[in-house]
Structure formats: structure tokens, C-alpha cells
Amino acid sequence: MQRPPIDLRSDTVTKPTPAMRRAMAEAEVGDDVFGDDPTVKVLEARTAELLGKEEALFVPSGTMANQIAVGVNTQPGDELLCARTSHVYVWEAGGIARLSGVTARTFEGDHGLLSLDDLRDAIRPVHDVHYVRTRLICLENTHNRGGGRIHPIASIAEIAHWARQHNLVMHLDGARLMNAVVASGRRARDWAQHFDTVSISFSKGLGAPIGSALAGSADAIRRARRLRKLFGGAMRQVGIIAAGALHALEHHVDRLSEDHSNAQVLADAFAGTDGFALDCGPVETNLVWVSVGPAVGTAAEVAAYLRSRDILVSVPGTQVLRACTHLDVTREQVEHAADVIRQIEPALISAMTLVY
């Protein structure tokens, strides 16, 4: 039997564990649109408590959670501020503009991590009718395109204090917030306290098959529920998947440290191999972004070579690779992948290109 590939494309490729499947199969369910699904209610209450917010709302995806947050926190014609590489700006199909009628102003930051110095002069003149109203700041923690780095909490607190002084609201894209929690040792609510709304994903490092949540004040979540319906995200007997998310929160958080350790093995292999460099500095969590030198070849050519050896990585740029560790990748598999990476030479990639 052919062994399955070592899939490092994303932490979204995980399969439900046997224990998670049992929890999903045995879940109590009801019609969530009528507010009758008991498992969803438990998950939403658990998520709100985890993040220190009044209420939470279960939604199908992290993109929907973020886009609902934009709609809840703004009015059409407003402006949000975010990093140039933010997920909400780059990878959500232009939803900011199309769904909420909001424009975005972006900033480079430190590999996507913003400081108050980046934003201090960004507010548009309040009483000048020529300008949009600057209203929302979106931060991402961990920051995907920033190499999975953790946004310093002191910087977040400084931005949040300034934002409140200027009547701005804050949203946290916390798709991988639990990675930041485990890596930093700080509670989720310690990060969330600085934001009006917070999204969290259950289908990335936590390993659930589907689902995210948005947390905030009771009033914010009341309005979010309406937008979820508008965006097509209201679901019926959804306790079946909410049970998977609950299981993930209860059993898959502490083990994220294993993913972080495994990512470091891959990072060391790439950094120690001629023609490769870490794209965003030291690896802090489960994402390894890698620059491929032109002498080696393109990122797509390197990915093809790795694929020929049953190792899958993603190719987000012409000269950029990303590898992501998760609960379906063992230490043994990661060490094997690292050995293959260390053997990569330009001649191997050239030969591979000629074959294809």
C-alpha cells in the first residue's frame, strides 16, 4: 500500500480524529436558526468565556467571521486600517468592499505586525466631507503572511488605547489565536480584551473539520446574527459540526506546542540548506515561510520536487514556499521531510524540470 503524502500545505487539511468523529456522531442537535441547537449553544458560551466576551456566534468559516465583523463595526463608506498582508484584505475575495462598502488602507508594518507608529497619522480629517470616516482597525494574530509570528501584546495594547481615544473600534482576526496562546503562555482573553470583536477558527490548528466563531458584546453579536443570515451562513442542525469544534477546544489546544516544535525542525532544515532562507525571520508557531533563491529554481519547481518525494507544500509566491505543521503530521514525518529538504540542490531541481 502506498503511504499517504506528508501534507504540509496547511493546517486546514486535518481530518477529524476518531474521538472527534464520535463526539460529532453523538451530538445533540436542533434547528440553530430557531436557536434550538443545544450543542451550538454550549460551543458559543464556551467560546465567549474563553475570549472574555459577552457572547459568541458560530459561523461556517473564518472569512465569514471576519466579514461579519467588518459589517458590525462599520457603515458603508467607512475605512478600515490593516496590514498590507492581512488575511481580511488579501484572501477574502474583496469582501470588505463588496459586502460592507468599506475601503481599506494598508500598512507594511513589521512583516504584517503593526505598531502605533504605523497608524498614528492615519486618521482622516473628521469634519472634512471629502474623506471617508476612519473607523476600524483589523489586526491578525498569529499573522499568517508574517510567518505565523505573534503580535506583541504590548503593541496591541498601545494601539487599542490610542484607538479608543479617537473613537475607533478594533477587530482581531484570531484564526490562529490559540497558537499564540500556547506559544506565549498568555490566556486568550488577555489578547481579546483589547478588541471589540474577535474571530477564532476551529478548522486550522485545532483540527475541527469546519467552523469559526465571532465574539463580542451582546449587541455586536445580535447584529452579527443578522449579517450571518444575510451572508448565507445561518445553519440548521449544526450541532454535528459544533461538537467537533467543542472537542477541539477541549482536547487539541495544549498539543499545539508539538506543531510549533515540528515547524522549527523544518525551519532549521530550510535555513541550513543553500539557496533557501526564512522569509519572515525566526519561526514562532506552526508556519514556515521560505524564500527560494533563483539559483535553486522557482518555488513551484521546488514544490514539484518535494511532491515527487511525497511531501506537499504550498506555493504562495514565485519564489516563496510555505510549510505548515498540524496534528496530522508526526515528528517522524517532519524529520523525514527535513532530511529531504537538506538534500535539495539546484542540479536536482534542474533535472526535475527537464523530466517534466
Protein backbone atom coordinates (compact mmCIF):
# COMPACT_ATOMS: atom_id res chain seq x y z
CA MET A 1 0.00 0.00 0.00
CA GLN A 2 1.31 3.43 -0.95
CA ARG A 3 1.78 5.62 2.08
CA PRO A 4 -0.09 8.95 2.09
CA PRO A 5 1.95 12.08 1.36
CA ILE A 6 3.26 14.29 4.14
CA ASP A 7 0.85 17.17 3.69
CA LEU A 8 2.37 20.46 4.84
CA ARG A 9 0.20 22.70 2.67
CA SER A 10 -1.96 24.00 5.53
CA ASP A 11 -3.34 23.15 8.96
CA THR A 12 -6.75 23.14 7.28
CA VAL A 13 -6.09 19.71 5.72
CA THR A 14 -6.50 17.84 9.01
CA LYS A 15 -9.05 15.05 9.34
CA PRO A 16 -11.27 14.61 12.41
CA THR A 17 -9.75 12.22 14.93
CA PRO A 18 -11.72 9.08 15.87
CA ALA A 19 -12.65 10.70 19.19
CA MET A 20 -13.84 13.83 17.41
CA ARG A 21 -15.90 11.76 14.99
CA ARG A 22 -17.59 10.00 17.91
CA ALA A 23 -18.39 13.32 19.55
CA MET A 24 -19.89 14.59 16.30
CA ALA A 25 -21.92 11.43 15.74
CA GLU A 26 -23.37 11.57 19.25
CA ALA A 27 -24.04 15.33 19.35
CA GLU A 28 -27.41 16.65 20.43
CA VAL A 29 -28.84 18.79 17.66
CA GLY A 30 -31.67 21.18 16.92
CA ASP A 31 -32.50 23.93 14.47
CA ASP A 32 -29.93 26.62 15.18
CA VAL A 33 -31.79 29.27 13.17
CA PHE A 34 -34.57 28.92 15.73
CA GLY A 35 -31.96 28.91 18.50
CA ASP A 36 -32.72 25.28 19.31
CA ASP A 37 -29.37 23.56 18.88
CA PRO A 38 -28.01 22.73 22.36
CA THR A 39 -24.51 21.84 21.19
CA VAL A 40 -24.11 25.15 19.37
CA LYS A 41 -25.23 26.97 22.49
CA VAL A 42 -22.58 25.21 24.56
CA LEU A 43 -19.88 25.99 21.98
CA GLU A 44 -20.85 29.65 21.76
CA ALA A 45 -20.90 30.03 25.55
CA ARG A 46 -17.56 28.25 25.85
CA THR A 47 -16.01 30.46 23.18
CA ALA A 48 -17.35 33.66 24.74
CA GLU A 49 -15.93 32.62 28.12
CA LEU A 50 -12.58 31.69 26.56
CA LEU A 51 -12.29 35.13 24.96
CA GLY A 52 -13.79 37.11 27.85
CA LYS A 53 -16.68 38.43 25.77
CA GLU A 54 -20.43 38.59 26.45
CA GLU A 55 -21.48 36.36 23.56
CA ALA A 56 -20.18 34.44 20.56
CA LEU A 57 -21.66 33.31 17.24
CA PHE A 58 -20.79 30.08 15.40
CA VAL A 59 -20.22 30.56 11.66
CA PRO A 60 -19.07 28.30 8.80
CA SER A 61 -15.70 29.95 8.12
CA GLY A 62 -13.08 32.38 9.32
CA THR A 63 -13.68 34.54 6.27
CA MET A 64 -17.35 34.89 7.21
CA ALA A 65 -16.43 35.70 10.81
CA ASN A 66 -14.10 38.48 9.68
CA GLN A 67 -16.51 39.87 7.11
CA ILE A 68 -19.35 39.91 9.63
CA ALA A 69 -17.05 41.78 11.99
CA VAL A 70 -16.37 44.40 9.33
CA GLY A 71 -20.11 44.85 8.80
CA VAL A 72 -20.86 45.00 12.52
CA ASN A 73 -18.17 47.58 13.26
CA THR A 74 -18.60 49.93 10.28
CA GLN A 75 -21.06 51.66 7.99
CA PRO A 76 -20.84 51.78 4.18
CA GLY A 77 -18.32 54.40 3.16
CA ASP A 78 -16.12 53.88 6.22
CA GLU A 79 -12.45 52.96 6.13
CA LEU A 80 -10.56 50.23 7.94
CA LEU A 81 -6.84 50.11 8.66
CA CYS A 82 -4.89 46.87 8.38
CA ALA A 83 -1.57 45.39 7.32
CA ARG A 84 -0.92 45.03 3.61
CA THR A 85 -0.68 41.26 4.04
CA SER A 86 -3.74 40.83 6.27
CA HIS A 87 -5.97 37.87 5.53
CA VAL A 88 -9.05 40.09 5.70
CA TYR A 89 -7.61 42.25 2.93
CA VAL A 90 -5.73 39.78 0.69
CA TRP A 91 -7.51 36.43 0.94
CA GLU A 92 -11.19 37.19 1.44
CA ALA A 93 -12.19 37.93 -2.17
CA GLY A 94 -12.66 41.67 -1.72
CA GLY A 95 -15.45 41.17 0.81
CA ILE A 96 -14.57 44.38 2.64
CA ALA A 97 -15.72 46.43 -0.33
CA ARG A 98 -18.30 44.13 -1.86
CA LEU A 99 -20.17 43.07 1.28
CA SER A 100 -19.81 46.12 3.54
CA GLY A 101 -18.98 49.00 1.20
CA VAL A 102 -15.84 49.75 3.20
CA THR A 103 -12.46 50.83 1.88
CA ALA A 104 -9.17 49.61 3.30
CA ARG A 105 -5.93 51.48 3.88
CA THR A 106 -2.97 49.19 4.32
CA PHE A 107 0.39 49.47 6.05
CA GLU A 108 3.60 47.46 5.71
CA GLY A 109 4.40 47.04 9.38
CA ASP A 110 6.99 44.51 10.51
CA HIS A 111 6.08 41.55 8.31
CA GLY A 112 2.45 42.48 8.86
CA LEU A 113 2.67 43.25 12.57
CA LEU A 114 1.57 46.84 13.07
CA SER A 115 2.69 49.30 15.71
CA LEU A 116 1.19 52.58 16.80
CA ASP A 117 3.87 54.39 14.82
CA ASP A 118 2.41 52.85 11.66
CA LEU A 119 -1.08 54.14 12.44
CA ARG A 120 -0.63 57.33 14.42
CA ASP A 121 -1.16 59.72 11.49
CA ALA A 122 -3.67 57.55 9.62
CA ILE A 123 -6.99 59.01 10.80
CA ARG A 124 -8.75 61.04 8.11
CA PRO A 125 -9.93 64.56 8.96
CA VAL A 126 -13.20 64.02 10.82
CA HIS A 127 -15.13 67.07 9.62
CA ASP A 128 -13.91 67.21 6.02
CA VAL A 129 -16.62 65.85 3.71
CA HIS A 130 -14.02 64.90 1.09
CA TYR A 131 -12.79 61.97 3.18
CA VAL A 132 -14.08 58.61 4.28
CA ARG A 133 -14.54 58.06 8.00
CA THR A 134 -11.67 56.09 9.50
CA ARG A 135 -13.47 53.65 11.77
CA LEU A 136 -11.95 50.17 12.21
CA ILE A 137 -8.53 48.66 12.88
CA CYS A 138 -8.03 44.99 11.99
CA LEU A 139 -5.05 43.09 13.41
CA GLU A 140 -4.14 39.43 12.86
CA ASN A 141 -2.66 37.12 15.50
CA THR A 142 -0.84 34.99 14.62
CA HIS A 143 -0.10 36.74 11.35
CA ASN A 144 -0.17 34.21 8.52
CA ARG A 145 1.89 36.10 5.94
CA GLY A 146 4.14 37.28 8.74
CA GLY A 147 5.39 33.74 9.14
CA GLY A 148 2.96 32.82 11.90
CA ARG A 149 4.55 35.38 14.18
CA ILE A 150 2.83 36.51 17.37
CA HIS A 151 1.71 40.13 17.51
CA PRO A 152 3.37 41.62 20.63
CA ILE A 153 0.68 42.20 23.22
CA ALA A 154 2.26 45.46 24.38
CA SER A 155 1.94 46.83 20.86
CA ILE A 156 -1.69 45.68 20.67
CA ALA A 157 -2.48 47.37 23.98
CA GLU A 158 -0.89 50.62 22.82
CA ILE A 159 -2.86 50.62 19.56
CA ALA A 160 -6.10 49.79 21.41
CA HIS A 161 -5.64 52.65 23.88
CA TRP A 162 -5.00 55.10 21.05
CA ALA A 163 -7.96 53.75 19.06
CA ARG A 164 -10.39 54.36 21.91
CA GLN A 165 -9.10 57.89 22.32
CA HIS A 166 -10.06 58.51 18.69
CA ASN A 167 -13.39 56.66 18.63
CA LEU A 168 -12.04 53.78 16.55
CA VAL A 169 -13.06 50.16 17.02
CA MET A 170 -10.80 47.10 16.95
CA HIS A 171 -11.24 43.65 15.41
CA LEU A 172 -8.86 40.73 15.87
CA ASP A 173 -8.56 38.09 13.20
CA GLY A 174 -7.64 35.36 15.66
CA ALA A 175 -7.89 32.44 13.26
CA ARG A 176 -4.73 31.02 14.87
CA LEU A 177 -5.07 32.83 18.20
CA MET A 178 -4.69 29.58 20.14
CA ASN A 179 -1.26 29.11 18.58
CA ALA A 180 -0.32 32.49 20.03
CA VAL A 181 -1.82 31.47 23.38
CA VAL A 182 0.22 28.27 23.60
CA ALA A 183 3.44 29.84 22.32
CA SER A 184 3.23 32.90 24.58
CA GLY A 185 1.64 31.39 27.70
CA ARG A 186 -0.94 34.19 27.78
CA ARG A 187 -4.65 33.44 28.01
CA ALA A 188 -6.87 34.02 25.00
CA ARG A 189 -8.84 36.63 26.94
CA ASP A 190 -5.62 38.55 27.64
CA TRP A 191 -5.30 39.15 23.90
CA ALA A 192 -9.02 39.55 23.26
CA GLN A 193 -9.57 42.22 25.92
CA HIS A 194 -8.10 44.84 23.59
CA PHE A 195 -10.63 44.23 20.81
CA ASP A 196 -14.32 44.94 20.29
CA THR A 197 -14.74 41.75 18.25
CA VAL A 198 -12.57 38.64 17.91
CA SER A 199 -12.75 35.79 15.43
CA ILE A 200 -11.32 32.35 16.11
CA SER A 201 -11.04 29.33 13.81
CA PHE A 202 -11.67 25.74 14.87
CA SER A 203 -10.68 24.23 11.49
CA LYS A 204 -6.99 25.19 11.41
CA GLY A 205 -4.55 24.06 14.09
CA LEU A 206 -7.35 22.86 16.34
CA GLY A 207 -8.28 20.25 13.76
CA ALA A 208 -12.07 20.52 13.51
CA PRO A 209 -13.47 19.87 10.01
CA ILE A 210 -15.36 23.16 9.76
CA GLY A 211 -16.27 26.28 11.67
CA SER A 212 -15.19 29.54 13.25
CA ALA A 213 -16.73 31.90 15.77
CA LEU A 214 -17.06 35.63 16.30
CA ALA A 215 -17.16 37.00 19.83
CA GLY A 216 -18.03 40.44 21.18
CA SER A 217 -20.64 42.33 23.14
CA ALA A 218 -24.22 41.09 23.26
CA ASP A 219 -25.26 43.96 20.98
CA ALA A 220 -22.48 43.22 18.48
CA ILE A 221 -23.41 39.55 18.30
CA ARG A 222 -27.10 40.41 17.90
CA ARG A 223 -26.19 42.42 14.83
CA ALA A 224 -23.74 39.73 13.72
CA ARG A 225 -26.51 37.14 13.76
CA ARG A 226 -28.45 39.22 11.24
CA LEU A 227 -25.41 39.55 8.97
CA ARG A 228 -24.74 35.83 9.22
CA LYS A 229 -28.24 35.28 7.82
CA LEU A 230 -27.66 37.86 5.09
CA PHE A 231 -24.36 36.25 4.08
CA GLY A 232 -25.95 32.80 3.89
CA GLY A 233 -24.29 31.41 7.00
CA ALA A 234 -27.34 30.53 9.10
CA MET A 235 -27.35 26.76 9.57
CA ARG A 236 -29.83 24.19 10.87
CA GLN A 237 -28.83 21.01 12.77
CA VAL A 238 -25.31 22.32 13.03
CA GLY A 239 -24.55 20.74 16.40
CA ILE A 240 -22.92 17.91 14.47
CA ILE A 241 -20.06 20.20 13.47
CA ALA A 242 -20.20 22.33 16.61
CA ALA A 243 -19.39 19.15 18.53
CA GLY A 244 -16.18 18.81 16.53
CA ALA A 245 -15.23 22.37 17.43
CA LEU A 246 -16.01 21.73 21.11
CA HIS A 247 -13.89 18.60 21.08
CA ALA A 248 -11.05 20.60 19.52
CA LEU A 249 -11.20 23.26 22.24
CA GLU A 250 -11.21 20.64 24.95
CA HIS A 251 -8.53 18.30 23.58
CA HIS A 252 -6.38 19.92 20.88
CA VAL A 253 -5.11 23.18 22.36
CA ASP A 254 -2.17 22.09 24.51
CA ARG A 255 -0.82 19.84 21.77
CA LEU A 256 -0.26 22.89 19.51
CA SER A 257 3.20 23.08 21.10
CA GLU A 258 4.05 19.88 19.19
CA ASP A 259 3.24 21.64 15.92
CA HIS A 260 5.45 24.56 16.89
CA SER A 261 8.33 22.23 17.69
CA ASN A 262 7.86 20.37 14.42
CA ALA A 263 7.80 23.64 12.48
CA GLN A 264 11.18 24.51 13.98
CA VAL A 265 12.62 21.28 12.60
CA LEU A 266 11.51 22.28 9.10
CA ALA A 267 12.72 25.85 9.61
CA ASP A 268 16.17 24.63 10.63
CA ALA A 269 16.32 22.37 7.58
CA PHE A 270 15.46 25.15 5.14
CA ALA A 271 17.71 27.70 6.85
CA GLY A 272 20.61 25.27 6.75
CA THR A 273 20.26 24.43 3.06
CA ASP A 274 21.97 26.51 0.39
CA GLY A 275 19.55 28.58 -1.67
CA PHE A 276 16.86 28.86 0.99
CA ALA A 277 16.16 31.42 3.71
CA LEU A 278 13.37 32.00 6.18
CA ASP A 279 11.15 34.63 4.62
CA CYS A 280 9.87 36.32 7.80
CA GLY A 281 12.54 35.74 10.40
CA PRO A 282 12.52 33.20 13.23
CA VAL A 283 9.63 30.73 13.31
CA GLU A 284 7.42 31.20 16.36
CA THR A 285 4.44 28.90 15.78
CA ASN A 286 3.39 26.38 13.11
CA LEU A 287 4.03 28.30 9.87
CA VAL A 288 7.30 28.24 7.95
CA TRP A 289 7.56 30.76 5.11
CA VAL A 290 10.62 30.21 2.92
CA SER A 291 12.38 32.31 0.27
CA VAL A 292 13.74 30.25 -2.63
CA GLY A 293 16.87 31.62 -4.23
CA PRO A 294 16.84 31.91 -8.05
CA ALA A 295 19.90 29.66 -8.24
CA VAL A 296 17.80 26.80 -6.87
CA GLY A 297 14.83 27.43 -9.13
CA THR A 298 11.29 28.67 -8.64
CA ALA A 299 9.12 27.84 -5.69
CA ALA A 300 6.85 25.81 -7.97
CA GLU A 301 9.81 23.74 -9.17
CA VAL A 302 10.95 23.05 -5.62
CA ALA A 303 7.39 22.13 -4.64
CA ALA A 304 7.21 19.72 -7.59
CA TYR A 305 10.46 18.10 -6.49
CA LEU A 306 9.15 17.68 -2.96
CA ARG A 307 5.86 16.34 -4.29
CA SER A 308 7.76 13.69 -6.23
CA ARG A 309 9.00 12.56 -2.83
CA ASP A 310 5.52 12.61 -1.29
CA ILE A 311 5.92 15.93 0.53
CA LEU A 312 3.34 18.63 -0.16
CA VAL A 313 3.93 22.35 0.45
CA SER A 314 2.08 25.44 -0.74
CA VAL A 315 3.41 27.97 -3.26
CA PRO A 316 2.09 31.45 -2.38
CA GLY A 317 4.66 33.28 -4.49
CA THR A 318 7.05 32.84 -7.41
CA GLN A 319 10.00 32.45 -5.05
CA VAL A 320 8.12 31.69 -1.83
CA LEU A 321 7.10 28.39 -0.22
CA ARG A 322 5.03 27.79 2.88
CA ALA A 323 5.06 24.69 5.06
CA CYS A 324 2.55 24.29 7.87
CA THR A 325 2.61 21.70 10.65
CA HIS A 326 -0.54 20.28 12.23
CA LEU A 327 -1.96 17.35 14.18
CA ASP A 328 -1.96 15.01 11.18
CA VAL A 329 1.82 15.31 10.75
CA THR A 330 4.03 13.30 13.10
CA ARG A 331 7.52 14.12 14.32
CA GLU A 332 8.84 11.18 12.30
CA GLN A 333 7.27 12.58 9.13
CA VAL A 334 8.64 16.04 9.80
CA GLU A 335 12.14 14.69 10.35
CA HIS A 336 11.88 12.75 7.09
CA ALA A 337 10.76 15.90 5.28
CA ALA A 338 13.66 17.81 6.83
CA ASP A 339 16.12 15.18 5.56
CA VAL A 340 14.71 15.52 2.03
CA ILE A 341 14.92 19.33 2.22
CA ARG A 342 18.60 19.20 3.26
CA GLN A 343 19.40 17.16 0.15
CA ILE A 344 17.92 19.70 -2.30
CA GLU A 345 20.46 21.06 -4.76
CA PRO A 346 19.98 23.20 -7.88
CA ALA A 347 21.03 20.22 -10.03
CA LEU A 348 18.18 18.12 -8.61
CA ILE A 349 15.62 20.79 -9.36
CA SER A 350 17.02 21.30 -12.87
CA ALA A 351 16.82 17.57 -13.53
CA MET A 352 13.27 17.50 -12.24
CA THR A 353 12.35 20.39 -14.57
CA LEU A 354 13.82 18.59 -17.57
CA VAL A 355 11.82 15.46 -16.78
CA TYR A 356 8.59 17.43 -16.74
